[in-house]
């Protein structure tokens, strides 16, 4: 993997992770189209501007699926067999598999950050993962905050949007 050293003085607050299905859709350049079809694109505002740009622009996508993770040297096919996600750290070309990211976090030595293996940039802990994945119904979803505190933000295609608009649910805190 070749990449330009990216020195950012800021500490990265979130990591954007893609399931392998979502990565394939994004790599083909069709994820922005799927988001546009969803009619809930405004919910991307919950992401940082950097993460929004990663999803909506294709400048950073590389067609080569070799060596997706510079730590374990896994290819895209290897990751399929391991049921891993692809996580973008502090720069679009600085990505690791979710297994190696977990290992980096576990081996942090009590610090409040981990270092990006590509440029040594700081990624704050506890790790906040925003994830795009394909659910069991075949729709892609964006979750904010990682598996332990996942908040469903958007789902596409939004097959139930008309029903939701026609029959709004009462606010859960209203009596």
N, C-alpha and C. Protein backbone atom coordinates (compact mmCIF):
# COMPACT_ATOMS: atom_id res chain seq x y z
N UNK A 1 0.85 -1.17 0.00
CA UNK A 1 0.00 0.00 0.00
C UNK A 1 0.89 1.23 0.00
N UNK A 2 0.67 2.10 -0.94
CA UNK A 2 1.43 3.33 -0.94
C UNK A 2 0.49 4.48 -0.62
N UNK A 3 0.96 5.37 0.21
CA UNK A 3 0.13 6.52 0.56
C UNK A 3 1.03 7.68 0.95
N UNK A 4 0.47 8.84 0.86
CA UNK A 4 1.16 10.04 1.26
C UNK A 4 1.04 10.20 2.77
N UNK A 5 2.12 10.57 3.41
CA UNK A 5 2.06 10.81 4.85
C UNK A 5 1.13 11.99 5.10
N UNK A 6 0.22 11.79 5.98
CA UNK A 6 -0.79 12.81 6.30
C UNK A 6 -0.60 13.19 7.76
N UNK A 7 -0.02 14.33 8.00
CA UNK A 7 0.17 14.80 9.37
C UNK A 7 -0.92 15.80 9.69
N UNK A 8 -1.80 15.40 10.55
CA UNK A 8 -2.90 16.25 10.99
C UNK A 8 -2.70 16.48 12.48
N UNK A 9 -2.67 17.71 12.89
CA UNK A 9 -2.43 18.02 14.29
C UNK A 9 -3.60 17.63 15.18
N UNK A 10 -4.78 17.51 14.57
CA UNK A 10 -5.96 17.15 15.34
C UNK A 10 -5.96 15.66 15.63
N UNK A 11 -6.60 15.31 16.72
CA UNK A 11 -6.79 13.91 17.06
C UNK A 11 -8.07 13.47 16.36
N UNK A 12 -8.00 12.35 15.64
CA UNK A 12 -9.17 11.82 14.98
C UNK A 12 -10.14 11.30 16.03
N UNK A 13 -11.38 11.71 15.93
CA UNK A 13 -12.39 11.36 16.93
C UNK A 13 -13.18 10.11 16.58
N UNK A 14 -13.33 9.83 15.28
CA UNK A 14 -14.12 8.67 14.86
C UNK A 14 -13.39 7.89 13.78
N UNK A 15 -13.83 6.65 13.62
CA UNK A 15 -13.32 5.77 12.57
C UNK A 15 -14.53 5.36 11.74
N UNK A 16 -14.41 5.42 10.42
CA UNK A 16 -15.50 5.02 9.54
C UNK A 16 -15.24 3.61 9.05
N UNK A 17 -16.16 2.69 9.37
CA UNK A 17 -16.00 1.29 9.00
C UNK A 17 -17.05 0.89 7.98
N UNK A 18 -16.65 0.01 7.08
CA UNK A 18 -17.53 -0.51 6.05
C UNK A 18 -17.58 -2.02 6.17
N UNK A 19 -18.79 -2.60 6.12
CA UNK A 19 -18.86 -4.04 5.94
C UNK A 19 -18.29 -4.31 4.55
N UNK A 20 -17.91 -5.54 4.27
CA UNK A 20 -17.33 -5.83 2.97
C UNK A 20 -18.34 -5.60 1.85
N UNK A 21 -19.63 -5.86 2.11
CA UNK A 21 -20.66 -5.58 1.11
C UNK A 21 -20.73 -4.09 0.82
N UNK A 22 -20.71 -3.28 1.86
CA UNK A 22 -20.76 -1.83 1.69
C UNK A 22 -19.50 -1.32 1.00
N UNK A 23 -18.34 -1.91 1.32
CA UNK A 23 -17.09 -1.50 0.68
C UNK A 23 -17.15 -1.77 -0.82
N UNK A 24 -17.70 -2.93 -1.20
CA UNK A 24 -17.81 -3.25 -2.62
C UNK A 24 -18.70 -2.24 -3.34
N UNK A 25 -19.84 -1.89 -2.75
CA UNK A 25 -20.75 -0.91 -3.35
C UNK A 25 -20.04 0.44 -3.46
N UNK A 26 -19.33 0.83 -2.42
CA UNK A 26 -18.61 2.10 -2.43
C UNK A 26 -17.47 2.07 -3.45
N UNK A 27 -16.76 0.95 -3.54
CA UNK A 27 -15.66 0.82 -4.49
C UNK A 27 -16.12 0.91 -5.94
N UNK A 28 -17.34 0.48 -6.19
CA UNK A 28 -17.90 0.56 -7.54
C UNK A 28 -18.42 1.96 -7.84
N UNK A 29 -18.44 2.82 -6.83
CA UNK A 29 -18.90 4.18 -7.03
C UNK A 29 -20.40 4.33 -6.96
N UNK A 30 -21.11 3.31 -6.47
CA UNK A 30 -22.57 3.38 -6.45
C UNK A 30 -23.15 3.72 -5.08
N UNK A 31 -22.35 3.82 -4.06
CA UNK A 31 -22.88 4.16 -2.74
C UNK A 31 -23.54 5.54 -2.72
N UNK A 32 -22.94 6.57 -3.34
CA UNK A 32 -23.64 7.86 -3.36
C UNK A 32 -25.01 7.78 -4.03
N UNK A 33 -25.13 6.98 -5.10
CA UNK A 33 -26.42 6.82 -5.76
C UNK A 33 -27.42 6.15 -4.83
N UNK A 34 -26.97 5.14 -4.11
CA UNK A 34 -27.85 4.46 -3.16
C UNK A 34 -28.29 5.42 -2.06
N UNK A 35 -27.39 6.26 -1.61
CA UNK A 35 -27.75 7.25 -0.59
C UNK A 35 -28.75 8.26 -1.13
N UNK A 36 -28.56 8.68 -2.37
CA UNK A 36 -29.48 9.64 -2.98
C UNK A 36 -30.88 9.04 -3.11
N UNK A 37 -30.97 7.75 -3.38
CA UNK A 37 -32.27 7.07 -3.50
C UNK A 37 -32.97 6.95 -2.16
N UNK A 38 -32.21 7.02 -1.10
CA UNK A 38 -32.77 6.72 0.22
C UNK A 38 -33.74 7.77 0.74
N UNK A 39 -33.71 8.96 0.22
CA UNK A 39 -34.53 10.08 0.68
C UNK A 39 -34.24 10.44 2.13
N UNK A 40 -33.18 9.91 2.70
CA UNK A 40 -32.79 10.26 4.07
C UNK A 40 -31.35 10.73 4.10
N UNK A 41 -30.87 11.20 2.98
CA UNK A 41 -29.48 11.61 2.87
C UNK A 41 -29.10 12.69 3.89
N UNK A 42 -30.06 13.51 4.28
CA UNK A 42 -29.77 14.58 5.24
C UNK A 42 -29.22 14.04 6.54
N UNK A 43 -29.52 12.80 6.87
CA UNK A 43 -29.02 12.21 8.10
C UNK A 43 -27.50 12.03 8.08
N UNK A 44 -26.89 12.15 6.92
CA UNK A 44 -25.43 12.09 6.87
C UNK A 44 -24.82 13.25 7.64
N UNK A 45 -25.60 14.26 7.95
CA UNK A 45 -25.13 15.39 8.73
C UNK A 45 -24.66 14.98 10.12
N UNK A 46 -25.01 13.79 10.56
CA UNK A 46 -24.53 13.29 11.85
C UNK A 46 -23.07 12.87 11.77
N UNK A 47 -22.56 12.71 10.55
CA UNK A 47 -21.15 12.36 10.35
C UNK A 47 -20.31 13.63 10.25
N UNK A 48 -19.02 13.49 10.45
CA UNK A 48 -18.12 14.62 10.25
C UNK A 48 -18.07 14.95 8.76
N UNK A 49 -17.67 16.16 8.43
CA UNK A 49 -17.57 16.54 7.02
C UNK A 49 -16.58 15.65 6.29
N UNK A 50 -15.53 15.22 6.97
CA UNK A 50 -14.55 14.32 6.37
C UNK A 50 -15.18 12.97 6.03
N UNK A 51 -15.99 12.44 6.94
CA UNK A 51 -16.65 11.16 6.68
C UNK A 51 -17.70 11.29 5.58
N UNK A 52 -18.40 12.41 5.55
CA UNK A 52 -19.37 12.63 4.47
C UNK A 52 -18.66 12.64 3.12
N UNK A 53 -17.51 13.31 3.05
CA UNK A 53 -16.75 13.35 1.80
C UNK A 53 -16.26 11.97 1.40
N UNK A 54 -15.87 11.16 2.37
CA UNK A 54 -15.43 9.80 2.06
C UNK A 54 -16.53 8.99 1.40
N UNK A 55 -17.75 9.19 1.84
CA UNK A 55 -18.87 8.43 1.31
C UNK A 55 -19.32 8.97 -0.04
N UNK A 56 -19.33 10.29 -0.21
CA UNK A 56 -19.91 10.88 -1.41
C UNK A 56 -18.94 11.13 -2.55
N UNK A 57 -17.64 11.11 -2.30
CA UNK A 57 -16.68 11.28 -3.39
C UNK A 57 -15.91 9.98 -3.57
N UNK A 58 -15.44 9.77 -4.76
CA UNK A 58 -14.76 8.52 -5.06
C UNK A 58 -13.27 8.71 -5.34
N UNK A 59 -12.72 9.86 -5.01
CA UNK A 59 -11.32 10.15 -5.30
C UNK A 59 -10.38 9.17 -4.62
N UNK A 60 -10.73 8.69 -3.47
CA UNK A 60 -9.86 7.86 -2.64
C UNK A 60 -10.00 6.38 -2.89
N UNK A 61 -11.02 6.00 -3.67
CA UNK A 61 -11.26 4.57 -3.92
C UNK A 61 -10.17 4.03 -4.83
N UNK A 62 -9.63 2.91 -4.45
CA UNK A 62 -8.65 2.21 -5.28
C UNK A 62 -9.28 0.92 -5.76
N UNK A 63 -9.10 0.63 -7.04
CA UNK A 63 -9.69 -0.58 -7.61
C UNK A 63 -8.95 -1.83 -7.15
N UNK A 64 -7.68 -1.68 -6.81
CA UNK A 64 -6.87 -2.82 -6.40
C UNK A 64 -7.32 -3.32 -5.04
N UNK A 65 -7.72 -4.58 -4.98
CA UNK A 65 -8.21 -5.14 -3.73
C UNK A 65 -7.11 -5.91 -2.99
N UNK A 66 -5.88 -5.77 -3.44
CA UNK A 66 -4.78 -6.43 -2.74
C UNK A 66 -4.41 -5.66 -1.50
N UNK A 67 -3.99 -6.39 -0.50
CA UNK A 67 -3.52 -5.85 0.77
C UNK A 67 -4.42 -4.74 1.31
N UNK A 68 -5.59 -5.13 1.75
CA UNK A 68 -6.53 -4.19 2.34
C UNK A 68 -6.06 -3.74 3.72
N UNK A 69 -5.35 -4.61 4.43
CA UNK A 69 -4.88 -4.28 5.77
C UNK A 69 -3.36 -4.35 5.82
N UNK A 70 -2.69 -3.24 6.13
CA UNK A 70 -1.23 -3.25 6.17
C UNK A 70 -0.66 -3.96 7.39
N UNK A 71 -1.48 -4.27 8.38
CA UNK A 71 -0.98 -4.93 9.58
C UNK A 71 -0.92 -6.44 9.37
N UNK A 72 -2.05 -7.04 9.00
CA UNK A 72 -2.06 -8.50 8.81
C UNK A 72 -1.84 -8.90 7.36
N UNK A 73 -1.77 -7.91 6.47
CA UNK A 73 -1.55 -8.10 5.04
C UNK A 73 -2.67 -8.88 4.36
N UNK A 74 -3.87 -8.82 4.93
CA UNK A 74 -5.02 -9.50 4.35
C UNK A 74 -5.47 -8.82 3.07
N UNK A 75 -5.90 -9.65 2.12
CA UNK A 75 -6.52 -9.15 0.90
C UNK A 75 -8.02 -9.06 1.13
N UNK A 76 -8.73 -8.51 0.16
CA UNK A 76 -10.18 -8.42 0.26
C UNK A 76 -10.78 -9.81 0.42
N UNK A 77 -10.29 -10.77 -0.35
CA UNK A 77 -10.80 -12.15 -0.26
C UNK A 77 -10.52 -12.76 1.10
N UNK A 78 -9.33 -12.49 1.65
CA UNK A 78 -9.00 -13.00 3.00
C UNK A 78 -9.99 -12.45 4.02
N UNK A 79 -10.32 -11.18 3.90
CA UNK A 79 -11.23 -10.56 4.85
C UNK A 79 -12.63 -11.13 4.74
N UNK A 80 -13.05 -11.51 3.53
CA UNK A 80 -14.36 -12.15 3.37
C UNK A 80 -14.43 -13.43 4.20
N UNK A 81 -13.35 -14.19 4.18
CA UNK A 81 -13.32 -15.44 4.94
C UNK A 81 -13.28 -15.20 6.44
N UNK A 82 -12.79 -14.05 6.85
CA UNK A 82 -12.65 -13.75 8.28
C UNK A 82 -13.82 -12.92 8.83
N UNK A 83 -14.78 -12.59 7.99
CA UNK A 83 -15.93 -11.76 8.39
C UNK A 83 -15.48 -10.47 9.08
N UNK A 84 -14.60 -9.76 8.44
CA UNK A 84 -14.06 -8.51 9.00
C UNK A 84 -14.66 -7.31 8.28
N UNK A 85 -14.53 -6.15 8.88
CA UNK A 85 -14.90 -4.89 8.27
C UNK A 85 -13.63 -4.18 7.83
N UNK A 86 -13.78 -3.19 6.97
CA UNK A 86 -12.67 -2.35 6.56
C UNK A 86 -12.87 -1.00 7.25
N UNK A 87 -11.88 -0.58 8.02
CA UNK A 87 -11.99 0.64 8.82
C UNK A 87 -11.01 1.69 8.31
N UNK A 88 -11.54 2.88 8.02
CA UNK A 88 -10.72 4.00 7.57
C UNK A 88 -10.36 4.80 8.81
N UNK A 89 -9.08 5.03 8.99
CA UNK A 89 -8.60 5.70 10.20
C UNK A 89 -8.58 7.21 10.01
N UNK A 90 -7.41 7.82 9.96
CA UNK A 90 -7.32 9.28 9.91
C UNK A 90 -7.13 9.83 8.51
N UNK A 91 -7.06 8.98 7.52
CA UNK A 91 -6.88 9.39 6.13
C UNK A 91 -7.49 8.30 5.27
N UNK A 92 -8.10 8.64 4.14
CA UNK A 92 -8.77 7.63 3.33
C UNK A 92 -7.93 6.42 2.93
N UNK A 93 -6.65 6.61 2.76
CA UNK A 93 -5.79 5.50 2.37
C UNK A 93 -5.21 4.76 3.57
N UNK A 94 -5.51 5.21 4.76
CA UNK A 94 -5.04 4.55 5.98
C UNK A 94 -6.18 3.70 6.51
N UNK A 95 -6.19 2.44 6.12
CA UNK A 95 -7.27 1.56 6.53
C UNK A 95 -6.71 0.26 7.07
N UNK A 96 -7.46 -0.33 7.97
CA UNK A 96 -7.09 -1.61 8.57
C UNK A 96 -8.35 -2.46 8.68
N UNK A 97 -8.16 -3.76 8.86
CA UNK A 97 -9.32 -4.61 9.09
C UNK A 97 -9.78 -4.43 10.54
N UNK A 98 -11.03 -4.76 10.79
CA UNK A 98 -11.59 -4.57 12.13
C UNK A 98 -10.90 -5.44 13.17
N UNK A 99 -10.37 -6.60 12.76
CA UNK A 99 -9.66 -7.45 13.71
C UNK A 99 -8.36 -6.78 14.19
N UNK A 100 -7.61 -6.21 13.25
CA UNK A 100 -6.37 -5.53 13.62
C UNK A 100 -6.65 -4.24 14.39
N UNK A 101 -7.74 -3.55 14.06
CA UNK A 101 -8.10 -2.36 14.82
C UNK A 101 -8.39 -2.73 16.27
N UNK A 102 -9.10 -3.83 16.48
CA UNK A 102 -9.36 -4.29 17.85
C UNK A 102 -8.06 -4.61 18.58
N UNK A 103 -7.11 -5.21 17.87
CA UNK A 103 -5.81 -5.52 18.48
C UNK A 103 -5.05 -4.25 18.84
N UNK A 104 -5.11 -3.24 17.96
CA UNK A 104 -4.45 -1.95 18.26
C UNK A 104 -5.03 -1.33 19.52
N UNK A 105 -6.34 -1.37 19.65
CA UNK A 105 -7.00 -0.80 20.82
C UNK A 105 -6.61 -1.57 22.07
N UNK A 106 -6.61 -2.90 21.98
CA UNK A 106 -6.27 -3.74 23.14
C UNK A 106 -4.83 -3.54 23.60
N UNK A 107 -3.94 -3.20 22.66
CA UNK A 107 -2.52 -3.05 22.99
C UNK A 107 -2.11 -1.60 23.19
N UNK A 108 -3.05 -0.72 23.51
CA UNK A 108 -2.73 0.71 23.58
C UNK A 108 -1.91 1.11 24.79
N UNK A 109 -1.73 0.24 25.75
CA UNK A 109 -0.89 0.56 26.91
C UNK A 109 -1.48 1.59 27.84
N UNK A 110 -2.79 1.72 27.90
CA UNK A 110 -3.42 2.66 28.81
C UNK A 110 -3.46 4.10 28.33
N UNK A 111 -3.00 4.36 27.13
CA UNK A 111 -3.04 5.73 26.59
C UNK A 111 -4.47 6.08 26.19
N UNK A 112 -4.72 7.36 25.97
CA UNK A 112 -6.05 7.79 25.55
C UNK A 112 -6.18 7.87 24.03
N UNK A 113 -5.24 7.24 23.32
CA UNK A 113 -5.29 7.22 21.86
C UNK A 113 -4.50 6.02 21.34
N UNK A 114 -4.74 5.70 20.08
CA UNK A 114 -3.90 4.74 19.37
C UNK A 114 -3.24 5.50 18.23
N UNK A 115 -2.18 4.94 17.69
CA UNK A 115 -1.48 5.57 16.58
C UNK A 115 -1.86 4.89 15.27
N UNK A 116 -2.15 5.70 14.26
CA UNK A 116 -2.43 5.17 12.93
C UNK A 116 -1.19 4.45 12.43
N UNK A 117 -1.31 3.21 11.95
CA UNK A 117 -0.13 2.51 11.46
C UNK A 117 0.44 3.11 10.18
N UNK A 118 -0.33 3.96 9.49
CA UNK A 118 0.14 4.57 8.25
C UNK A 118 0.97 5.82 8.47
N UNK A 119 0.58 6.65 9.46
CA UNK A 119 1.27 7.93 9.63
C UNK A 119 1.56 8.28 11.09
N UNK A 120 1.16 7.41 12.01
CA UNK A 120 1.33 7.60 13.45
C UNK A 120 0.44 8.71 14.01
N UNK A 121 -0.55 9.17 13.21
CA UNK A 121 -1.52 10.14 13.70
C UNK A 121 -2.33 9.57 14.86
N UNK A 122 -2.84 10.45 15.71
CA UNK A 122 -3.56 10.01 16.91
C UNK A 122 -5.05 9.80 16.62
N UNK A 123 -5.55 8.67 17.10
CA UNK A 123 -6.98 8.34 17.03
C UNK A 123 -7.43 8.14 18.47
N UNK A 124 -8.38 8.98 18.91
CA UNK A 124 -8.74 8.99 20.33
C UNK A 124 -9.49 7.73 20.75
N UNK A 125 -9.32 7.42 22.02
CA UNK A 125 -10.02 6.31 22.67
C UNK A 125 -10.90 6.89 23.76
N UNK A 126 -12.02 6.31 24.10
CA UNK A 126 -12.53 5.08 23.51
C UNK A 126 -12.91 5.29 22.05
N UNK A 127 -12.74 4.25 21.28
CA UNK A 127 -12.95 4.29 19.85
C UNK A 127 -14.44 4.46 19.53
N UNK A 128 -14.74 5.41 18.66
CA UNK A 128 -16.11 5.61 18.19
C UNK A 128 -16.14 5.20 16.73
N UNK A 129 -16.90 4.16 16.44
CA UNK A 129 -16.98 3.64 15.07
C UNK A 129 -18.32 4.00 14.45
N UNK A 130 -18.27 4.67 13.32
CA UNK A 130 -19.45 4.88 12.49
C UNK A 130 -19.35 3.82 11.40
N UNK A 131 -20.43 3.10 11.17
CA UNK A 131 -20.34 1.94 10.29
C UNK A 131 -21.45 1.91 9.26
N UNK A 132 -21.07 1.57 8.03
CA UNK A 132 -22.03 1.32 6.96
C UNK A 132 -22.02 -0.18 6.72
N UNK A 133 -23.20 -0.78 6.75
CA UNK A 133 -23.29 -2.23 6.59
C UNK A 133 -24.59 -2.59 5.89
N UNK A 134 -24.64 -3.82 5.40
CA UNK A 134 -25.85 -4.33 4.77
C UNK A 134 -26.59 -5.18 5.78
N UNK A 135 -27.86 -4.84 6.02
CA UNK A 135 -28.63 -5.59 7.02
C UNK A 135 -29.16 -6.89 6.42
N UNK A 136 -29.86 -7.67 7.21
CA UNK A 136 -30.35 -8.98 6.78
C UNK A 136 -31.39 -8.88 5.67
N UNK A 137 -32.00 -7.72 5.50
CA UNK A 137 -32.98 -7.52 4.44
C UNK A 137 -32.34 -7.04 3.14
N UNK A 138 -31.02 -6.88 3.14
CA UNK A 138 -30.31 -6.44 1.94
C UNK A 138 -30.21 -4.94 1.79
N UNK A 139 -30.67 -4.19 2.77
CA UNK A 139 -30.58 -2.73 2.73
C UNK A 139 -29.32 -2.30 3.46
N UNK A 140 -28.75 -1.19 3.00
CA UNK A 140 -27.58 -0.66 3.67
C UNK A 140 -28.01 0.30 4.76
N UNK A 141 -27.30 0.28 5.87
CA UNK A 141 -27.60 1.16 6.99
C UNK A 141 -26.32 1.83 7.47
N UNK A 142 -26.50 2.97 8.08
CA UNK A 142 -25.41 3.70 8.71
C UNK A 142 -25.69 3.71 10.19
N UNK A 143 -24.74 3.25 10.98
CA UNK A 143 -24.89 3.32 12.43
C UNK A 143 -23.81 4.24 12.99
N UNK A 144 -24.18 4.95 14.02
CA UNK A 144 -23.28 5.91 14.66
C UNK A 144 -22.89 5.37 16.03
N UNK A 145 -21.61 5.33 16.31
CA UNK A 145 -21.16 5.05 17.66
C UNK A 145 -20.71 3.65 17.97
N UNK A 146 -20.66 2.75 17.03
CA UNK A 146 -20.16 1.40 17.27
C UNK A 146 -21.22 0.45 17.79
N UNK A 147 -20.86 -0.82 17.90
CA UNK A 147 -21.85 -1.85 18.21
C UNK A 147 -22.49 -1.72 19.58
N UNK A 148 -21.78 -1.20 20.58
CA UNK A 148 -22.37 -1.15 21.91
C UNK A 148 -23.36 -0.01 22.08
N UNK A 149 -23.24 1.02 21.26
CA UNK A 149 -24.18 2.15 21.38
C UNK A 149 -24.70 2.57 20.02
N UNK A 150 -25.02 1.60 19.19
CA UNK A 150 -25.44 1.87 17.83
C UNK A 150 -26.78 2.59 17.79
N UNK A 151 -26.83 3.65 17.02
CA UNK A 151 -28.05 4.37 16.74
C UNK A 151 -28.29 4.28 15.25
N UNK A 152 -29.43 3.71 14.84
CA UNK A 152 -29.72 3.61 13.42
C UNK A 152 -30.03 5.00 12.90
N UNK A 153 -29.26 5.43 11.92
CA UNK A 153 -29.40 6.78 11.40
C UNK A 153 -30.11 6.77 10.06
N UNK A 154 -29.73 5.89 9.17
CA UNK A 154 -30.39 5.83 7.89
C UNK A 154 -30.37 4.42 7.35
N UNK A 155 -31.32 4.15 6.51
CA UNK A 155 -31.42 2.86 5.88
C UNK A 155 -31.81 3.10 4.44
N UNK A 156 -31.19 2.40 3.52
CA UNK A 156 -31.60 2.56 2.14
C UNK A 156 -31.56 1.22 1.44
N UNK A 157 -32.50 0.92 0.54
CA UNK A 157 -33.59 1.81 0.16
C UNK A 157 -34.59 1.96 1.29
N UNK A 158 -35.21 3.11 1.35
CA UNK A 158 -36.15 3.41 2.42
C UNK A 158 -37.55 2.99 1.99
N UNK A 159 -37.83 1.71 2.07
CA UNK A 159 -39.10 1.18 1.59
C UNK A 159 -40.27 1.60 2.47
N UNK A 160 -40.04 1.91 3.72
CA UNK A 160 -41.14 2.26 4.61
C UNK A 160 -41.28 3.77 4.82
N UNK A 161 -40.60 4.59 4.04
CA UNK A 161 -40.63 6.03 4.24
C UNK A 161 -42.04 6.60 4.06
N UNK A 162 -42.76 6.17 3.01
CA UNK A 162 -44.11 6.68 2.79
C UNK A 162 -45.02 6.35 3.97
N UNK A 163 -44.90 5.13 4.49
CA UNK A 163 -45.71 4.72 5.64
C UNK A 163 -45.36 5.56 6.87
N UNK A 164 -44.08 5.80 7.08
CA UNK A 164 -43.66 6.61 8.23
C UNK A 164 -44.19 8.04 8.13
N UNK A 165 -44.18 8.59 6.92
CA UNK A 165 -44.67 9.95 6.73
C UNK A 165 -46.19 10.02 6.88
N UNK A 166 -46.89 8.98 6.44
CA UNK A 166 -48.35 8.95 6.53
C UNK A 166 -48.84 8.69 7.95
N UNK A 167 -48.08 7.91 8.72
CA UNK A 167 -48.48 7.53 10.07
C UNK A 167 -47.34 7.80 11.05
N UNK A 168 -47.08 9.06 11.36
CA UNK A 168 -45.96 9.35 12.27
C UNK A 168 -46.22 8.75 13.64
N UNK A 169 -45.16 8.23 14.20
CA UNK A 169 -45.25 7.65 15.54
C UNK A 169 -45.14 8.76 16.57
N UNK A 170 -45.92 8.66 17.67
CA UNK A 170 -45.82 9.69 18.70
C UNK A 170 -44.44 9.67 19.34
N UNK A 171 -44.06 10.81 19.85
CA UNK A 171 -42.78 10.90 20.56
C UNK A 171 -42.83 9.97 21.76
N UNK A 172 -41.83 9.12 21.98
CA UNK A 172 -41.89 8.15 23.05
C UNK A 172 -42.02 8.74 24.45
N UNK A 173 -41.67 10.00 24.63
CA UNK A 173 -41.72 10.60 25.96
C UNK A 173 -43.02 11.37 26.21
N UNK A 174 -43.89 11.41 25.21
CA UNK A 174 -45.16 12.10 25.39
C UNK A 174 -46.17 11.15 26.01
N UNK A 175 -47.01 11.66 26.84
CA UNK A 175 -48.06 10.85 27.49
C UNK A 175 -49.31 10.89 26.65
